[in-house]
Amino acid sequence: MNLLSLILVFLFSFDSGAALYSADGKASYYADRMHGHRTANGERYDKTQLTAAHATLPFNTFVQVTNVRNGKSVVVRINDRMAHSRHRLIDLSRAAAQQIEVIREGIASVQLQELPDDGQPEMATIVSEIKPTGKK
C-alpha cells in the first residue's frame, strides 16, 4: 500500500456526518496553452499542480479521481469551473492527468469521491510532495 492509499484510508475512516459527493463520468485535462491563465477562483492555472475544474463543487473541495480502466487515483483540489456537460464530469490539470494516465487517450472514465473537510490542507501538502516513481 503506498503513502497516498494510507492517507486516503485514514481520511475515510472518520465519519463527517454529511453525505459526500460521488459520481461516475468522463475526465479530460487542460490544454498546455491554458497554463498561466486565470481560473474561476482567481488563481493562475498551473499545469504542475494537482487541481481541477468542476461544474458545481465548491472551490477548495478535494476529490479523489480514479481512472476506472487502470485503478490509478489522484487527489485534486477544485479551483476552476467548467460548463455543465453531458460528456465530461471534470477537467484535470496536466499533472493530475499524468498521474492517472489520461494523457495518451485525452479522456477517461473516472469515479469521483469528495474527501471530508477534516485535514484537507495537510493532505494537500502531503499529496503535492508525492512524486511519481516512474514504476508501473
Protein backbone atom coordinates (compact mmCIF):
# COMPACT_ATOMS: atom_id res chain seq x y z
CA MET A 1 0.00 0.00 0.00
CA ASN A 2 1.51 3.35 -1.00
CA LEU A 3 1.53 6.54 1.06
CA LEU A 4 -1.41 8.07 -0.80
CA SER A 5 -3.54 4.97 -0.19
CA LEU A 6 -2.72 5.08 3.53
CA ILE A 7 -3.68 8.75 3.70
CA LEU A 8 -7.00 8.09 1.94
CA VAL A 9 -7.85 5.14 4.21
CA PHE A 10 -7.10 7.36 7.21
CA LEU A 11 -9.31 10.18 5.92
CA PHE A 12 -12.23 7.92 5.04
CA SER A 13 -12.16 6.31 8.49
CA PHE A 14 -13.71 9.44 10.03
CA ASP A 15 -17.45 9.98 9.86
CA SER A 16 -18.04 13.60 8.89
CA GLY A 17 -21.80 13.22 9.36
CA ALA A 18 -22.53 14.75 5.96
CA ALA A 19 -23.06 12.93 2.70
CA LEU A 20 -20.09 13.39 0.42
CA TYR A 21 -20.36 13.89 -3.34
CA SER A 22 -19.56 10.95 -5.59
CA ALA A 23 -20.10 10.46 -9.30
CA ASP A 24 -19.00 8.45 -12.32
CA GLY A 25 -18.25 10.07 -15.65
CA LYS A 26 -15.55 11.22 -18.03
CA ALA A 27 -12.44 13.24 -17.25
CA SER A 28 -10.33 15.26 -19.63
CA TYR A 29 -7.47 17.64 -18.98
CA TYR A 30 -6.49 21.23 -19.68
CA ALA A 31 -4.52 22.04 -22.80
CA ASP A 32 -0.98 23.28 -22.17
CA ARG A 33 -1.93 26.65 -23.67
CA MET A 34 -4.09 27.31 -20.58
CA HIS A 35 -1.01 27.35 -18.30
CA GLY A 36 -0.87 30.75 -16.58
CA HIS A 37 -4.46 31.76 -17.37
CA ARG A 38 -6.74 32.79 -14.51
CA THR A 39 -9.07 30.17 -13.08
CA ALA A 40 -12.59 30.94 -11.88
CA ASN A 41 -11.41 31.39 -8.28
CA GLY A 42 -8.75 33.94 -9.36
CA GLU A 43 -5.67 31.71 -9.19
CA ARG A 44 -3.45 31.19 -12.17
CA TYR A 45 -3.73 27.72 -13.67
CA ASP A 46 -0.51 25.80 -13.08
CA LYS A 47 -0.28 22.57 -15.05
CA THR A 48 2.15 21.14 -12.47
CA GLN A 49 -0.32 21.38 -9.56
CA LEU A 50 -3.00 18.81 -8.65
CA THR A 51 -6.09 20.90 -9.43
CA ALA A 52 -9.27 20.54 -11.46
CA ALA A 53 -12.37 22.24 -12.81
CA HIS A 54 -15.88 21.04 -11.94
CA ALA A 55 -19.28 22.48 -12.81
CA THR A 56 -20.74 22.67 -9.29
CA LEU A 57 -18.40 21.56 -6.49
CA PRO A 58 -17.29 24.43 -4.24
CA PHE A 59 -13.80 25.84 -4.69
CA ASN A 60 -11.16 24.19 -2.49
CA THR A 61 -13.10 20.93 -2.35
CA PHE A 62 -10.77 17.94 -2.54
CA VAL A 63 -11.82 14.95 -4.62
CA GLN A 64 -10.22 11.63 -5.32
CA VAL A 65 -10.33 10.87 -9.04
CA THR A 66 -9.89 7.21 -10.01
CA ASN A 67 -9.27 6.08 -13.57
CA VAL A 68 -11.68 3.14 -13.97
CA ARG A 69 -9.52 1.45 -16.62
CA ASN A 70 -6.32 1.16 -14.58
CA GLY A 71 -7.40 1.83 -10.97
CA LYS A 72 -4.94 4.72 -10.53
CA SER A 73 -6.10 7.59 -8.33
CA VAL A 74 -5.14 11.17 -7.67
CA VAL A 75 -6.44 13.75 -5.20
CA VAL A 76 -7.16 17.17 -6.70
CA ARG A 77 -8.41 20.49 -5.38
CA ILE A 78 -11.25 22.19 -7.26
CA ASN A 79 -10.15 25.69 -8.27
CA ASP A 80 -11.96 26.29 -11.55
CA ARG A 81 -15.35 26.00 -13.22
CA MET A 82 -16.34 24.21 -16.37
CA ALA A 83 -19.58 24.30 -18.30
CA HIS A 84 -22.14 21.64 -17.44
CA SER A 85 -21.54 18.85 -19.89
CA ARG A 86 -23.11 15.52 -20.71
CA HIS A 87 -19.71 14.41 -21.95
CA ARG A 88 -17.33 15.44 -19.15
CA LEU A 89 -17.53 15.42 -15.37
CA ILE A 90 -14.18 17.01 -14.54
CA ASP A 91 -11.21 18.68 -16.23
CA LEU A 92 -7.89 17.79 -14.62
CA SER A 93 -4.62 19.66 -14.56
CA ARG A 94 -1.90 18.08 -16.68
CA ALA A 95 -0.08 16.82 -13.56
CA ALA A 96 -3.24 15.09 -12.29
CA ALA A 97 -3.98 13.60 -15.71
CA GLN A 98 -0.45 12.22 -15.90
CA GLN A 99 -0.74 10.54 -12.51
CA ILE A 100 -3.80 8.55 -13.55
CA GLU A 101 -2.62 8.07 -17.16
CA VAL A 102 -5.21 10.13 -19.03
CA ILE A 103 -2.71 11.96 -21.27
CA ARG A 104 -2.49 9.41 -24.08
CA GLU A 105 -6.24 8.93 -24.51
CA GLY A 106 -7.18 12.51 -23.67
CA ILE A 107 -10.35 11.39 -21.91
CA ALA A 108 -11.05 8.58 -19.46
CA SER A 109 -13.87 7.05 -17.46
CA VAL A 110 -13.43 8.05 -13.83
CA GLN A 111 -15.02 7.81 -10.43
CA LEU A 112 -15.04 10.93 -8.24
CA GLN A 113 -15.25 10.85 -4.48
CA GLU A 114 -15.30 14.03 -2.40
CA LEU A 115 -12.96 13.88 0.59
CA PRO A 116 -14.08 15.09 4.02
CA ASP A 117 -13.07 18.61 5.11
CA ASP A 118 -11.09 17.37 8.11
CA GLY A 119 -7.36 17.58 7.45
CA GLN A 120 -7.58 18.58 3.81
CA PRO A 121 -4.95 21.36 3.91
CA GLU A 122 -2.48 18.96 5.48
CA MET A 123 -3.38 16.30 2.95
CA ALA A 124 -2.88 18.72 0.06
CA THR A 125 0.65 19.38 1.26
CA ILE A 126 1.43 15.68 1.62
CA VAL A 127 -0.06 14.78 -1.76
CA SER A 128 1.81 17.59 -3.54
CA GLU A 129 5.06 16.24 -2.11
CA ILE A 130 4.50 12.72 -3.50
CA LYS A 131 6.50 12.37 -6.69
CA PRO A 132 5.82 9.65 -9.28
CA THR A 133 8.47 6.93 -9.17
CA GLY A 134 8.22 6.01 -12.82
CA LYS A 135 7.28 2.45 -11.84
CA LYS A 136 4.03 0.93 -13.07
